[in-house]
Amino acid sequence: MASMSTFQSLTVHCARCHNHKFDPITQKDYYSLQAVFAGVDRHDRPFDSDKTRYAERRLIMQKQKPIEDRYTEITNQIAKSSSPEIAEVDTQLKELKDHCAQSFPAIKKVPAMVSQPH
């Protein structure tokens, strides 16, 4: 284990298979420590101790999968539907916004509709 080699300056790899008479790390100690680090990569996975809650989560995730797949498909179609003309208009719009921001720095945001008293 890299953690034992690094922090304790011990080589413990042979403890996977057998105990040594004078080695401070036994096979039992090795696997106890290995069990601690075995779950480190599973920290972001959902865990439900209640079986009912687990079943509910699985059902929701099954329903969510086709929706996410459809969203990805639509997003990809939108990205592909862009044309050189649309890209040119987007570039011109960005340039115009930049020009306005430089020319009129005091104006942060123009309201879409200004209500005036009657």
PDB file of N, CA and C in Angstrom:
ATOM      1  N   MET A   1       0.839  -1.183   0.000  1.00  0.00           N
ATOM      2  CA  MET A   1       0.000   0.000   0.000  1.00  0.00           C
ATOM      3  C   MET A   1       0.880   1.241   0.000  1.00  0.00           C
ATOM      4  N   ALA A   2       0.534   2.146  -0.849  1.00  0.00           N
ATOM      5  CA  ALA A   2       1.324   3.367  -0.988  1.00  0.00           C
ATOM      6  C   ALA A   2       1.285   4.214   0.278  1.00  0.00           C
ATOM      7  N   SER A   3       0.161   4.234   0.968  1.00  0.00           N
ATOM      8  CA  SER A   3       0.064   5.060   2.178  1.00  0.00           C
ATOM      9  C   SER A   3       1.007   4.561   3.267  1.00  0.00           C
ATOM     10  N   MET A   4       1.122   3.264   3.425  1.00  0.00           N
ATOM     11  CA  MET A   4       2.039   2.729   4.433  1.00  0.00           C
ATOM     12  C   MET A   4       3.488   2.953   4.024  1.00  0.00           C
ATOM     13  N   SER A   5       3.779   2.776   2.753  1.00  0.00           N
ATOM     14  CA  SER A   5       5.144   3.008   2.286  1.00  0.00           C
ATOM     15  C   SER A   5       5.529   4.464   2.477  1.00  0.00           C
ATOM     16  N   THR A   6       4.594   5.362   2.210  1.00  0.00           N
ATOM     17  CA  THR A   6       4.886   6.790   2.290  1.00  0.00           C
ATOM     18  C   THR A   6       4.977   7.280   3.715  1.00  0.00           C
ATOM     19  N   PHE A   7       3.976   6.978   4.528  1.00  0.00           N
ATOM     20  CA  PHE A   7       3.892   7.595   5.851  1.00  0.00           C
ATOM     21  C   PHE A   7       4.566   6.791   6.963  1.00  0.00           C
ATOM     22  N   GLN A   8       4.713   5.493   6.793  1.00  0.00           N
ATOM     23  CA  GLN A   8       5.324   4.673   7.824  1.00  0.00           C
ATOM     24  C   GLN A   8       6.688   4.112   7.408  1.00  0.00           C
ATOM     25  N   SER A   9       7.061   4.317   6.164  1.00  0.00           N
ATOM     26  CA  SER A   9       8.310   3.770   5.609  1.00  0.00           C
ATOM     27  C   SER A   9       8.376   2.256   5.785  1.00  0.00           C
ATOM     28  N   LEU A  10       7.223   1.621   5.607  1.00  0.00           N
ATOM     29  CA  LEU A  10       7.152   0.168   5.705  1.00  0.00           C
ATOM     30  C   LEU A  10       6.713  -0.408   4.368  1.00  0.00           C
ATOM     31  N   THR A  11       7.266  -1.566   4.046  1.00  0.00           N
ATOM     32  CA  THR A  11       6.755  -2.281   2.880  1.00  0.00           C
ATOM     33  C   THR A  11       5.788  -3.329   3.420  1.00  0.00           C
ATOM     34  N   VAL A  12       4.578  -3.263   2.963  1.00  0.00           N
ATOM     35  CA  VAL A  12       3.547  -4.148   3.510  1.00  0.00           C
ATOM     36  C   VAL A  12       2.945  -5.063   2.460  1.00  0.00           C
ATOM     37  N   HIS A  13       3.466  -5.031   1.269  1.00  0.00           N
ATOM     38  CA  HIS A  13       2.855  -5.791   0.182  1.00  0.00           C
ATOM     39  C   HIS A  13       2.898  -7.300   0.408  1.00  0.00           C
ATOM     40  N   CYS A  14       3.915  -7.790   1.085  1.00  0.00           N
ATOM     41  CA  CYS A  14       3.973  -9.234   1.308  1.00  0.00           C
ATOM     42  C   CYS A  14       2.913  -9.683   2.312  1.00  0.00           C
ATOM     43  N   ALA A  15       2.367  -8.746   3.090  1.00  0.00           N
ATOM     44  CA  ALA A  15       1.323  -9.095   4.063  1.00  0.00           C
ATOM     45  C   ALA A  15       0.010  -9.458   3.384  1.00  0.00           C
ATOM     46  N   ARG A  16      -0.089  -9.212   2.091  1.00  0.00           N
ATOM     47  CA  ARG A  16      -1.289  -9.657   1.372  1.00  0.00           C
ATOM     48  C   ARG A  16      -1.395 -11.174   1.391  1.00  0.00           C
ATOM     49  N   CYS A  17      -0.259 -11.839   1.384  1.00  0.00           N
ATOM     50  CA  CYS A  17      -0.266 -13.298   1.239  1.00  0.00           C
ATOM     51  C   CYS A  17       0.086 -14.048   2.522  1.00  0.00           C
ATOM     52  N   HIS A  18       0.934 -13.462   3.355  1.00  0.00           N
ATOM     53  CA  HIS A  18       1.396 -14.212   4.516  1.00  0.00           C
ATOM     54  C   HIS A  18       1.914 -13.270   5.609  1.00  0.00           C
ATOM     55  N   ASN A  19       2.063 -13.812   6.812  1.00  0.00           N
ATOM     56  CA  ASN A  19       2.642 -13.074   7.938  1.00  0.00           C
ATOM     57  C   ASN A  19       4.122 -13.400   8.042  1.00  0.00           C
ATOM     58  N   HIS A  20       4.894 -12.427   8.485  1.00  0.00           N
ATOM     59  CA  HIS A  20       6.300 -12.662   8.813  1.00  0.00           C
ATOM     60  C   HIS A  20       6.439 -12.672  10.325  1.00  0.00           C
ATOM     61  N   LYS A  21       7.397 -13.405  10.795  1.00  0.00           N
ATOM     62  CA  LYS A  21       7.558 -13.569  12.231  1.00  0.00           C
ATOM     63  C   LYS A  21       7.834 -12.242  12.933  1.00  0.00           C
ATOM     64  N   PHE A  22       8.658 -11.387  12.344  1.00  0.00           N
ATOM     65  CA  PHE A  22       9.035 -10.142  13.006  1.00  0.00           C
ATOM     66  C   PHE A  22       8.495  -8.895  12.315  1.00  0.00           C
ATOM     67  N   ASP A  23       7.624  -9.060  11.355  1.00  0.00           N
ATOM     68  CA  ASP A  23       7.054  -7.925  10.632  1.00  0.00           C
ATOM     69  C   ASP A  23       5.952  -7.282  11.470  1.00  0.00           C
ATOM     70  N   PRO A  24       5.961  -5.951  11.620  1.00  0.00           N
ATOM     71  CA  PRO A  24       4.944  -5.311  12.466  1.00  0.00           C
ATOM     72  C   PRO A  24       3.544  -5.310  11.853  1.00  0.00           C
ATOM     73  N   ILE A  25       3.421  -5.540  10.558  1.00  0.00           N
ATOM     74  CA  ILE A  25       2.115  -5.534   9.901  1.00  0.00           C
ATOM     75  C   ILE A  25       1.714  -6.969   9.572  1.00  0.00           C
ATOM     76  N   THR A  26       0.636  -7.418  10.190  1.00  0.00           N
ATOM     77  CA  THR A  26       0.147  -8.775   9.925  1.00  0.00           C
ATOM     78  C   THR A  26      -0.793  -8.753   8.725  1.00  0.00           C
ATOM     79  N   GLN A  27      -1.151  -9.941   8.278  1.00  0.00           N
ATOM     80  CA  GLN A  27      -2.082 -10.057   7.160  1.00  0.00           C
ATOM     81  C   GLN A  27      -3.437  -9.456   7.552  1.00  0.00           C
ATOM     82  N   LYS A  28      -3.852  -9.675   8.783  1.00  0.00           N
ATOM     83  CA  LYS A  28      -5.112  -9.116   9.269  1.00  0.00           C
ATOM     84  C   LYS A  28      -5.049  -7.586   9.265  1.00  0.00           C
ATOM     85  N   ASP A  29      -3.931  -7.012   9.715  1.00  0.00           N
ATOM     86  CA  ASP A  29      -3.775  -5.555   9.709  1.00  0.00           C
ATOM     87  C   ASP A  29      -3.802  -5.000   8.287  1.00  0.00           C
ATOM     88  N   TYR A  30      -3.157  -5.710   7.372  1.00  0.00           N
ATOM     89  CA  TYR A  30      -3.114  -5.266   5.988  1.00  0.00           C
ATOM     90  C   TYR A  30      -4.525  -5.153   5.417  1.00  0.00           C
ATOM     91  N   TYR A  31      -5.326  -6.201   5.587  1.00  0.00           N
ATOM     92  CA  TYR A  31      -6.667  -6.187   5.010  1.00  0.00           C
ATOM     93  C   TYR A  31      -7.614  -5.258   5.763  1.00  0.00           C
ATOM     94  N   SER A  32      -7.350  -5.026   7.028  1.00  0.00           N
ATOM     95  CA  SER A  32      -8.142  -4.028   7.769  1.00  0.00           C
ATOM     96  C   SER A  32      -7.893  -2.639   7.209  1.00  0.00           C
ATOM     97  N   LEU A  33      -6.640  -2.332   6.963  1.00  0.00           N
ATOM     98  CA  LEU A  33      -6.294  -1.026   6.399  1.00  0.00           C
ATOM     99  C   LEU A  33      -6.769  -0.913   4.950  1.00  0.00           C
ATOM    100  N   GLN A  34      -6.663  -2.000   4.193  1.00  0.00           N
ATOM    101  CA  GLN A  34      -7.127  -1.998   2.811  1.00  0.00           C
ATOM    102  C   GLN A  34      -8.623  -1.745   2.753  1.00  0.00           C
ATOM    103  N   ALA A  35      -9.375  -2.256   3.703  1.00  0.00           N
ATOM    104  CA  ALA A  35     -10.830  -2.052   3.745  1.00  0.00           C
ATOM    105  C   ALA A  35     -11.170  -0.577   3.956  1.00  0.00           C
ATOM    106  N   VAL A  36     -10.334   0.128   4.700  1.00  0.00           N
ATOM    107  CA  VAL A  36     -10.571   1.556   4.919  1.00  0.00           C
ATOM    108  C   VAL A  36     -10.462   2.316   3.602  1.00  0.00           C
ATOM    109  N   PHE A  37      -9.444   2.017   2.820  1.00  0.00           N
ATOM    110  CA  PHE A  37      -9.219   2.748   1.574  1.00  0.00           C
ATOM    111  C   PHE A  37     -10.039   2.206   0.399  1.00  0.00           C
ATOM    112  N   ALA A  38     -10.617   1.035   0.518  1.00  0.00           N
ATOM    113  CA  ALA A  38     -11.366   0.447  -0.592  1.00  0.00           C
ATOM    114  C   ALA A  38     -12.596   1.258  -0.959  1.00  0.00           C
ATOM    115  N   GLY A  39     -13.208   1.915   0.004  1.00  0.00           N
ATOM    116  CA  GLY A  39     -14.426   2.673  -0.264  1.00  0.00           C
ATOM    117  C   GLY A  39     -14.208   4.118  -0.622  1.00  0.00           C
ATOM    118  N   VAL A  40     -12.975   4.557  -0.752  1.00  0.00           N
ATOM    119  CA  VAL A  40     -12.692   5.964  -1.006  1.00  0.00           C
ATOM    120  C   VAL A  40     -13.269   6.423  -2.337  1.00  0.00           C
ATOM    121  N   ASP A  41     -13.200   5.603  -3.371  1.00  0.00           N
ATOM    122  CA  ASP A  41     -13.694   6.027  -4.679  1.00  0.00           C
ATOM    123  C   ASP A  41     -15.209   5.941  -4.792  1.00  0.00           C
ATOM    124  N   ARG A  42     -15.878   5.513  -3.763  1.00  0.00           N
ATOM    125  CA  ARG A  42     -17.333   5.392  -3.793  1.00  0.00           C
ATOM    126  C   ARG A  42     -18.024   6.505  -2.999  1.00  0.00           C
ATOM    127  N   HIS A  43     -17.336   7.553  -2.694  1.00  0.00           N
ATOM    128  CA  HIS A  43     -17.874   8.608  -1.842  1.00  0.00           C
ATOM    129  C   HIS A  43     -19.040   9.365  -2.457  1.00  0.00           C
ATOM    130  N   ASP A  44     -19.130   9.427  -3.771  1.00  0.00           N
ATOM    131  CA  ASP A  44     -20.184  10.215  -4.400  1.00  0.00           C
ATOM    132  C   ASP A  44     -21.358   9.373  -4.883  1.00  0.00           C
ATOM    133  N   ARG A  45     -21.436   8.157  -4.466  1.00  0.00           N
ATOM    134  CA  ARG A  45     -22.536   7.294  -4.868  1.00  0.00           C
ATOM    135  C   ARG A  45     -23.640   7.357  -3.816  1.00  0.00           C
ATOM    136  N   PRO A  46     -24.890   7.357  -4.254  1.00  0.00           N
ATOM    137  CA  PRO A  46     -25.976   7.384  -3.281  1.00  0.00           C
ATOM    138  C   PRO A  46     -26.067   6.071  -2.513  1.00  0.00           C
ATOM    139  N   PHE A  47     -26.399   6.172  -1.254  1.00  0.00           N
ATOM    140  CA  PHE A  47     -26.563   4.983  -0.424  1.00  0.00           C
ATOM    141  C   PHE A  47     -27.830   5.145   0.399  1.00  0.00           C
ATOM    142  N   ASP A  48     -28.691   4.158   0.345  1.00  0.00           N
ATOM    143  CA  ASP A  48     -29.932   4.176   1.104  1.00  0.00           C
ATOM    144  C   ASP A  48     -29.983   2.916   1.963  1.00  0.00           C
ATOM    145  N   SER A  49     -30.019   3.089   3.255  1.00  0.00           N
ATOM    146  CA  SER A  49     -30.095   1.932   4.142  1.00  0.00           C
ATOM    147  C   SER A  49     -31.513   1.354   4.179  1.00  0.00           C
ATOM    148  N   ASP A  50     -32.493   2.177   3.843  1.00  0.00           N
ATOM    149  CA  ASP A  50     -33.882   1.735   3.810  1.00  0.00           C
ATOM    150  C   ASP A  50     -34.188   1.138   2.429  1.00  0.00           C
ATOM    151  N   LYS A  51     -34.700  -0.089   2.386  1.00  0.00           N
ATOM    152  CA  LYS A  51     -34.966  -0.764   1.116  1.00  0.00           C
ATOM    153  C   LYS A  51     -36.044  -0.050   0.307  1.00  0.00           C
ATOM    154  N   THR A  52     -37.022   0.533   0.987  1.00  0.00           N
ATOM    155  CA  THR A  52     -38.080   1.261   0.289  1.00  0.00           C
ATOM    156  C   THR A  52     -37.508   2.483  -0.410  1.00  0.00           C
ATOM    157  N   ARG A  53     -36.692   3.218   0.293  1.00  0.00           N
ATOM    158  CA  ARG A  53     -36.058   4.408  -0.284  1.00  0.00           C
ATOM    159  C   ARG A  53     -35.155   4.021  -1.445  1.00  0.00           C
ATOM    160  N   TYR A  54     -34.451   2.901  -1.311  1.00  0.00           N
ATOM    161  CA  TYR A  54     -33.589   2.418  -2.380  1.00  0.00           C
ATOM    162  C   TYR A  54     -34.410   2.113  -3.632  1.00  0.00           C
ATOM    163  N   ALA A  55     -35.555   1.448  -3.452  1.00  0.00           N
ATOM    164  CA  ALA A  55     -36.417   1.123  -4.586  1.00  0.00           C
ATOM    165  C   ALA A  55     -36.965   2.388  -5.239  1.00  0.00           C
ATOM    166  N   GLU A  56     -37.331   3.371  -4.430  1.00  0.00           N
ATOM    167  CA  GLU A  56     -37.822   4.644  -4.966  1.00  0.00           C
ATOM    168  C   GLU A  56     -36.737   5.344  -5.785  1.00  0.00           C
ATOM    169  N   ARG A  57     -35.521   5.353  -5.258  1.00  0.00           N
ATOM    170  CA  ARG A  57     -34.406   6.004  -5.960  1.00  0.00           C
ATOM    171  C   ARG A  57     -34.140   5.316  -7.301  1.00  0.00           C
ATOM    172  N   ARG A  58     -34.161   3.994  -7.312  1.00  0.00           N
ATOM    173  CA  ARG A  58     -33.936   3.268  -8.568  1.00  0.00           C
ATOM    174  C   ARG A  58     -35.025   3.580  -9.588  1.00  0.00           C
ATOM    175  N   LEU A  59     -36.267   3.651  -9.137  1.00  0.00           N
ATOM    176  CA  LEU A  59     -37.386   3.948 -10.036  1.00  0.00           C
ATOM    177  C   LEU A  59     -37.237   5.348 -10.622  1.00  0.00           C
ATOM    178  N   ILE A  60     -36.898   6.300  -9.786  1.00  0.00           N
ATOM    179  CA  ILE A  60     -36.709   7.677 -10.255  1.00  0.00           C
ATOM    180  C   ILE A  60     -35.544   7.755 -11.241  1.00  0.00           C
ATOM    181  N   MET A  61     -34.452   7.065 -10.938  1.00  0.00           N
ATOM    182  CA  MET A  61     -33.293   7.096 -11.828  1.00  0.00           C
ATOM    183  C   MET A  61     -33.616   6.435 -13.172  1.00  0.00           C
ATOM    184  N   GLN A  62     -34.451   5.393 -13.158  1.00  0.00           N
ATOM    185  CA  GLN A  62     -34.856   4.753 -14.410  1.00  0.00           C
ATOM    186  C   GLN A  62     -35.715   5.691 -15.246  1.00  0.00           C
ATOM    187  N   LYS A  63     -36.573   6.456 -14.600  1.00  0.00           N
ATOM    188  CA  LYS A  63     -37.410   7.420 -15.317  1.00  0.00           C
ATOM    189  C   LYS A  63     -36.594   8.610 -15.802  1.00  0.00           C
ATOM    190  N   GLN A  64     -35.567   8.959 -15.058  1.00  0.00           N
ATOM    191  CA  GLN A  64     -34.741  10.122 -15.385  1.00  0.00           C
ATOM    192  C   GLN A  64     -33.809   9.853 -16.566  1.00  0.00           C
ATOM    193  N   LYS A  65     -33.367   8.643 -16.732  1.00  0.00           N
ATOM    194  CA  LYS A  65     -32.398   8.304 -17.788  1.00  0.00           C
ATOM    195  C   LYS A  65     -32.890   8.652 -19.183  1.00  0.00           C
ATOM    196  N   PRO A  66     -34.119   8.250 -19.611  1.00  0.00           N
ATOM    197  CA  PRO A  66     -34.552   8.619 -20.964  1.00  0.00           C
ATOM    198  C   PRO A  66     -34.707  10.128 -21.151  1.00  0.00           C
ATOM    199  N   ILE A  67     -35.074  10.818 -20.087  1.00  0.00           N
ATOM    200  CA  ILE A  67     -35.211  12.277 -20.178  1.00  0.00           C
ATOM    201  C   ILE A  67     -33.839  12.917 -20.396  1.00  0.00           C
ATOM    202  N   GLU A  68     -32.847  12.463 -19.659  1.00  0.00           N
ATOM    203  CA  GLU A  68     -31.492  12.994 -19.843  1.00  0.00           C
ATOM    204  C   GLU A  68     -30.952  12.658 -21.227  1.00  0.00           C
ATOM    205  N   ASP A  69     -31.227  11.448 -21.696  1.00  0.00           N
ATOM    206  CA  ASP A  69     -30.780  11.065 -23.036  1.00  0.00           C
ATOM    207  C   ASP A  69     -31.421  11.949 -24.104  1.00  0.00           C
ATOM    208  N   ARG A  70     -32.714  12.224 -23.957  1.00  0.00           N
ATOM    209  CA  ARG A  70     -33.418  13.088 -24.916  1.00  0.00           C
ATOM    210  C   ARG A  70     -32.871  14.510 -24.872  1.00  0.00           C
ATOM    211  N   TYR A  71     -32.581  14.998 -23.665  1.00  0.00           N
ATOM    212  CA  TYR A  71     -32.000  16.333 -23.520  1.00  0.00           C
ATOM    213  C   TYR A  71     -30.649  16.413 -24.236  1.00  0.00           C
ATOM    214  N   THR A  72     -29.819  15.396 -24.063  1.00  0.00           N
ATOM    215  CA  THR A  72     -28.517  15.365 -24.729  1.00  0.00           C
ATOM    216  C   THR A  72     -28.687  15.340 -26.241  1.00  0.00           C
ATOM    217  N   GLU A  73     -29.631  14.555 -26.711  1.00  0.00           N
ATOM    218  CA  GLU A  73     -29.889  14.462 -28.149  1.00  0.00           C
ATOM    219  C   GLU A  73     -30.323  15.815 -28.716  1.00  0.00           C
ATOM    220  N   ILE A  74     -31.242  16.479 -28.044  1.00  0.00           N
ATOM    221  CA  ILE A  74     -31.728  17.787 -28.515  1.00  0.00           C
ATOM    222  C   ILE A  74     -30.616  18.824 -28.472  1.00  0.00           C
ATOM    223  N   THR A  75     -29.835  18.816 -27.411  1.00  0.00           N
ATOM    224  CA  THR A  75     -28.714  19.756 -27.300  1.00  0.00           C
ATOM    225  C   THR A  75     -27.716  19.556 -28.432  1.00  0.00           C
ATOM    226  N   ASN A  76     -27.437  18.305 -28.769  1.00  0.00           N
ATOM    227  CA  ASN A  76     -26.521  18.021 -29.879  1.00  0.00           C
ATOM    228  C   ASN A  76     -27.099  18.473 -31.210  1.00  0.00           C
ATOM    229  N   GLN A  77     -28.413  18.288 -31.397  1.00  0.00           N
ATOM    230  CA  GLN A  77     -29.046  18.746 -32.633  1.00  0.00           C
ATOM    231  C   GLN A  77     -28.965  20.263 -32.758  1.00  0.00           C
ATOM    232  N   ILE A  78     -29.181  20.957 -31.668  1.00  0.00           N
ATOM    233  CA  ILE A  78     -29.090  22.423 -31.685  1.00  0.00           C
ATOM    234  C   ILE A  78     -27.668  22.860 -32.033  1.00  0.00           C
ATOM    235  N   ALA A  79     -26.690  22.204 -31.436  1.00  0.00           N
ATOM    236  CA  ALA A  79     -25.296  22.558 -31.715  1.00  0.00           C
ATOM    237  C   ALA A  79     -24.943  22.319 -33.179  1.00  0.00           C
ATOM    238  N   LYS A  80     -25.482  21.259 -33.766  1.00  0.00           N
ATOM    239  CA  LYS A  80     -25.198  20.944 -35.161  1.00  0.00           C
ATOM    240  C   LYS A  80     -25.934  21.872 -36.126  1.00  0.00           C
ATOM    241  N   SER A  81     -27.058  22.454 -35.678  1.00  0.00           N
ATOM    242  CA  SER A  81     -27.870  23.263 -36.585  1.00  0.00           C
ATOM    243  C   SER A  81     -27.299  24.659 -36.819  1.00  0.00           C
ATOM    244  N   SER A  82     -26.243  24.989 -36.149  1.00  0.00           N
ATOM    245  CA  SER A  82     -25.621  26.293 -36.352  1.00  0.00           C
ATOM    246  C   SER A  82     -25.010  26.359 -37.750  1.00  0.00           C
ATOM    247  N   SER A  83     -25.088  27.516 -38.342  1.00  0.00           N
ATOM    248  CA  SER A  83     -24.543  27.693 -39.683  1.00  0.00           C
ATOM    249  C   SER A  83     -23.519  28.827 -39.657  1.00  0.00           C
ATOM    250  N   PRO A  84     -22.748  28.988 -40.717  1.00  0.00           N
ATOM    251  CA  PRO A  84     -21.782  30.090 -40.769  1.00  0.00           C
ATOM    252  C   PRO A  84     -22.475  31.450 -40.647  1.00  0.00           C
ATOM    253  N   GLU A  85     -23.683  31.558 -41.202  1.00  0.00           N
ATOM    254  CA  GLU A  85     -24.407  32.829 -41.120  1.00  0.00           C
ATOM    255  C   GLU A  85     -24.766  33.154 -39.679  1.00  0.00           C
ATOM    256  N   ILE A  86     -25.245  32.139 -38.950  1.00  0.00           N
ATOM    257  CA  ILE A  86     -25.609  32.350 -37.550  1.00  0.00           C
ATOM    258  C   ILE A  86     -24.362  32.698 -36.736  1.00  0.00           C
ATOM    259  N   ALA A  87     -23.262  32.026 -37.002  1.00  0.00           N
ATOM    260  CA  ALA A  87     -22.018  32.323 -36.302  1.00  0.00           C
ATOM    261  C   ALA A  87     -21.575  33.759 -36.575  1.00  0.00           C
ATOM    262  N   GLU A  88     -21.725  34.218 -37.804  1.00  0.00           N
ATOM    263  CA  GLU A  88     -21.360  35.595 -38.161  1.00  0.00           C
ATOM    264  C   GLU A  88     -22.234  36.593 -37.415  1.00  0.00           C
ATOM    265  N   VAL A  89     -23.538  36.336 -37.352  1.00  0.00           N
ATOM    266  CA  VAL A  89     -24.449  37.228 -36.630  1.00  0.00           C
ATOM    267  C   VAL A  89     -24.089  37.246 -35.146  1.00  0.00           C
ATOM    268  N   ASP A  90     -23.784  36.077 -34.575  1.00  0.00           N
ATOM    269  CA  ASP A  90     -23.380  36.021 -33.170  1.00  0.00           C
ATOM    270  C   ASP A  90     -22.113  36.840 -32.925  1.00  0.00           C
ATOM    271  N   THR A  91     -21.164  36.747 -33.844  1.00  0.00           N
ATOM    272  CA  THR A  91     -19.929  37.524 -33.725  1.00  0.00           C
ATOM    273  C   THR A  91     -20.219  39.019 -33.786  1.00  0.00           C
ATOM    274  N   GLN A  92     -21.059  39.432 -34.737  1.00  0.00           N
ATOM    275  CA  GLN A  92     -21.415  40.848 -34.849  1.00  0.00           C
ATOM    276  C   GLN A  92     -22.156  41.335 -33.606  1.00  0.00           C
ATOM    277  N   LEU A  93     -23.030  40.521 -33.075  1.00  0.00           N
ATOM    278  CA  LEU A  93     -23.769  40.885 -31.872  1.00  0.00           C
ATOM    279  C   LEU A  93     -22.820  41.061 -30.694  1.00  0.00           C
ATOM    280  N   LYS A  94     -21.865  40.163 -30.558  1.00  0.00           N
ATOM    281  CA  LYS A  94     -20.886  40.284 -29.476  1.00  0.00           C
ATOM    282  C   LYS A  94     -20.058  41.555 -29.633  1.00  0.00           C
ATOM    283  N   GLU A  95     -19.621  41.833 -30.843  1.00  0.00           N
ATOM    284  CA  GLU A  95     -18.851  43.048 -31.092  1.00  0.00           C
ATOM    285  C   GLU A  95     -19.662  44.294 -30.758  1.00  0.00           C
ATOM    286  N   LEU A  96     -20.932  44.298 -31.125  1.00  0.00           N
ATOM    287  CA  LEU A  96     -21.801  45.433 -30.841  1.00  0.00           C
ATOM    288  C   LEU A  96     -21.980  45.622 -29.333  1.00  0.00           C
ATOM    289  N   LYS A  97     -22.184  44.524 -28.624  1.00  0.00           N
ATOM    290  CA  LYS A  97     -22.319  44.611 -27.166  1.00  0.00           C
ATOM    291  C   LYS A  97     -21.037  45.131 -26.526  1.00  0.00           C
ATOM    292  N   ASP A  98     -19.892  44.645 -26.998  1.00  0.00           N
ATOM    293  CA  ASP A  98     -18.612  45.121 -26.478  1.00  0.00           C
ATOM    294  C   ASP A  98     -18.429  46.611 -26.751  1.00  0.00           C
ATOM    295  N   HIS A  99     -18.786  47.048 -27.954  1.00  0.00           N
ATOM    296  CA  HIS A  99     -18.678  48.451 -28.324  1.00  0.00           C
ATOM    297  C   HIS A  99     -19.571  49.322 -27.431  1.00  0.00           C
ATOM    298  N   CYS A 100     -20.801  48.860 -27.196  1.00  0.00           N
ATOM    299  CA  CYS A 100     -21.723  49.610 -26.336  1.00  0.00           C
ATOM    300  C   CYS A 100     -21.206  49.670 -24.904  1.00  0.00           C
ATOM    301  N   ALA A 101     -20.645  48.577 -24.429  1.00  0.00           N
ATOM    302  CA  ALA A 101     -20.121  48.551 -23.067  1.00  0.00           C
ATOM    303  C   ALA A 101     -18.949  49.514 -22.905  1.00  0.00           C
ATOM    304  N   GLN A 102     -18.129  49.648 -23.952  1.00  0.00           N
ATOM    305  CA  GLN A 102     -17.003  50.579 -23.898  1.00  0.00           C
ATOM    306  C   GLN A 102     -17.464  52.024 -24.066  1.00  0.00           C
ATOM    307  N   SER A 103     -18.435  52.250 -24.915  1.00  0.00           N
ATOM    308  CA  SER A 103     -18.909  53.600 -25.191  1.00  0.00           C
ATOM    309  C   SER A 103     -19.756  54.167 -24.060  1.00  0.00           C
ATOM    310  N   PHE A 104     -20.517  53.312 -23.409  1.00  0.00           N
ATOM    311  CA  PHE A 104     -21.417  53.753 -22.344  1.00  0.00           C
ATOM    312  C   PHE A 104     -21.185  52.895 -21.098  1.00  0.00           C
ATOM    313  N   PRO A 105     -20.059  53.085 -20.411  1.00  0.00           N
ATOM    314  CA  PRO A 105     -19.739  52.230 -19.274  1.00  0.00           C
ATOM    315  C   PRO A 105     -20.677  52.424 -18.083  1.00  0.00           C
ATOM    316  N   ALA A 106     -21.329  53.578 -17.969  1.00  0.00           N
ATOM    317  CA  ALA A 106     -22.203  53.814 -16.821  1.00  0.00           C
ATOM    318  C   ALA A 106     -23.491  53.012 -16.913  1.00  0.00           C
ATOM    319  N   ILE A 107     -23.907  52.639 -18.106  1.00  0.00           N
ATOM    320  CA  ILE A 107     -25.143  51.885 -18.284  1.00  0.00           C
ATOM    321  C   ILE A 107     -24.825  50.403 -18.165  1.00  0.00           C
ATOM    322  N   LYS A 108     -25.299  49.810 -17.090  1.00  0.00           N
ATOM    323  CA  LYS A 108     -25.027  48.395 -16.866  1.00  0.00           C
ATOM    324  C   LYS A 108     -26.056  47.512 -17.553  1.00  0.00           C
ATOM    325  N   LYS A 109     -27.327  47.866 -17.389  1.00  0.00           N
ATOM    326  CA  LYS A 109     -28.367  47.038 -17.953  1.00  0.00           C
ATOM    327  C   LYS A 109     -29.544  47.937 -18.319  1.00  0.00           C
ATOM    328  N   VAL A 110     -30.037  47.754 -19.497  1.00  0.00           N
ATOM    329  CA  VAL A 110     -31.186  48.530 -19.944  1.00  0.00           C
ATOM    330  C   VAL A 110     -32.434  47.718 -19.652  1.00  0.00           C
ATOM    331  N   PRO A 111     -33.389  48.275 -18.896  1.00  0.00           N
ATOM    332  CA  PRO A 111     -34.593  47.505 -18.608  1.00  0.00           C
ATOM    333  C   PRO A 111     -35.394  47.260 -19.870  1.00  0.00           C
ATOM    334  N   ALA A 112     -36.031  46.102 -19.937  1.00  0.00           N
ATOM    335  CA  ALA A 112     -36.822  45.739 -21.120  1.00  0.00           C
ATOM    336  C   ALA A 112     -38.068  46.594 -21.224  1.00  0.00           C
ATOM    337  N   MET A 113     -38.647  46.930 -20.105  1.00  0.00           N
ATOM    338  CA  MET A 113     -39.856  47.731 -20.134  1.00  0.00           C
ATOM    339  C   MET A 113     -39.828  48.672 -18.941  1.00  0.00           C
ATOM    340  N   VAL A 114     -39.919  49.923 -19.199  1.00  0.00           N
ATOM    341  CA  VAL A 114     -39.915  50.909 -18.133  1.00  0.00           C
ATOM    342  C   VAL A 114     -41.343  51.341 -17.884  1.00  0.00           C
ATOM    343  N   SER A 115     -41.806  51.125 -16.675  1.00  0.00           N
ATOM    344  CA  SER A 115     -43.185  51.548 -16.372  1.00  0.00           C
ATOM    345  C   SER A 115     -43.168  52.992 -15.907  1.00  0.00           C
ATOM    346  N   GLN A 116     -44.036  53.774 -16.462  1.00  0.00           N
ATOM    347  CA  GLN A 116     -44.132  55.164 -16.101  1.00  0.00           C
ATOM    348  C   GLN A 116     -45.466  55.388 -15.387  1.00  0.00           C
ATOM    349  N   PRO A 117     -45.474  56.312 -14.418  1.00  0.00           N
ATOM    350  CA  PRO A 117     -46.732  56.578 -13.705  1.00  0.00           C
ATOM    351  C   PRO A 117     -47.763  57.183 -14.629  1.00  0.00           C
ATOM    352  N   HIS A 118     -48.999  56.852 -14.438  1.00  0.00           N
ATOM    353  CA  HIS A 118     -50.097  57.366 -15.253  1.00  0.00           C
ATOM    354  C   HIS A 118     -50.668  58.616 -14.670  1.00  0.00           C
TER     355      HIS A 118
END
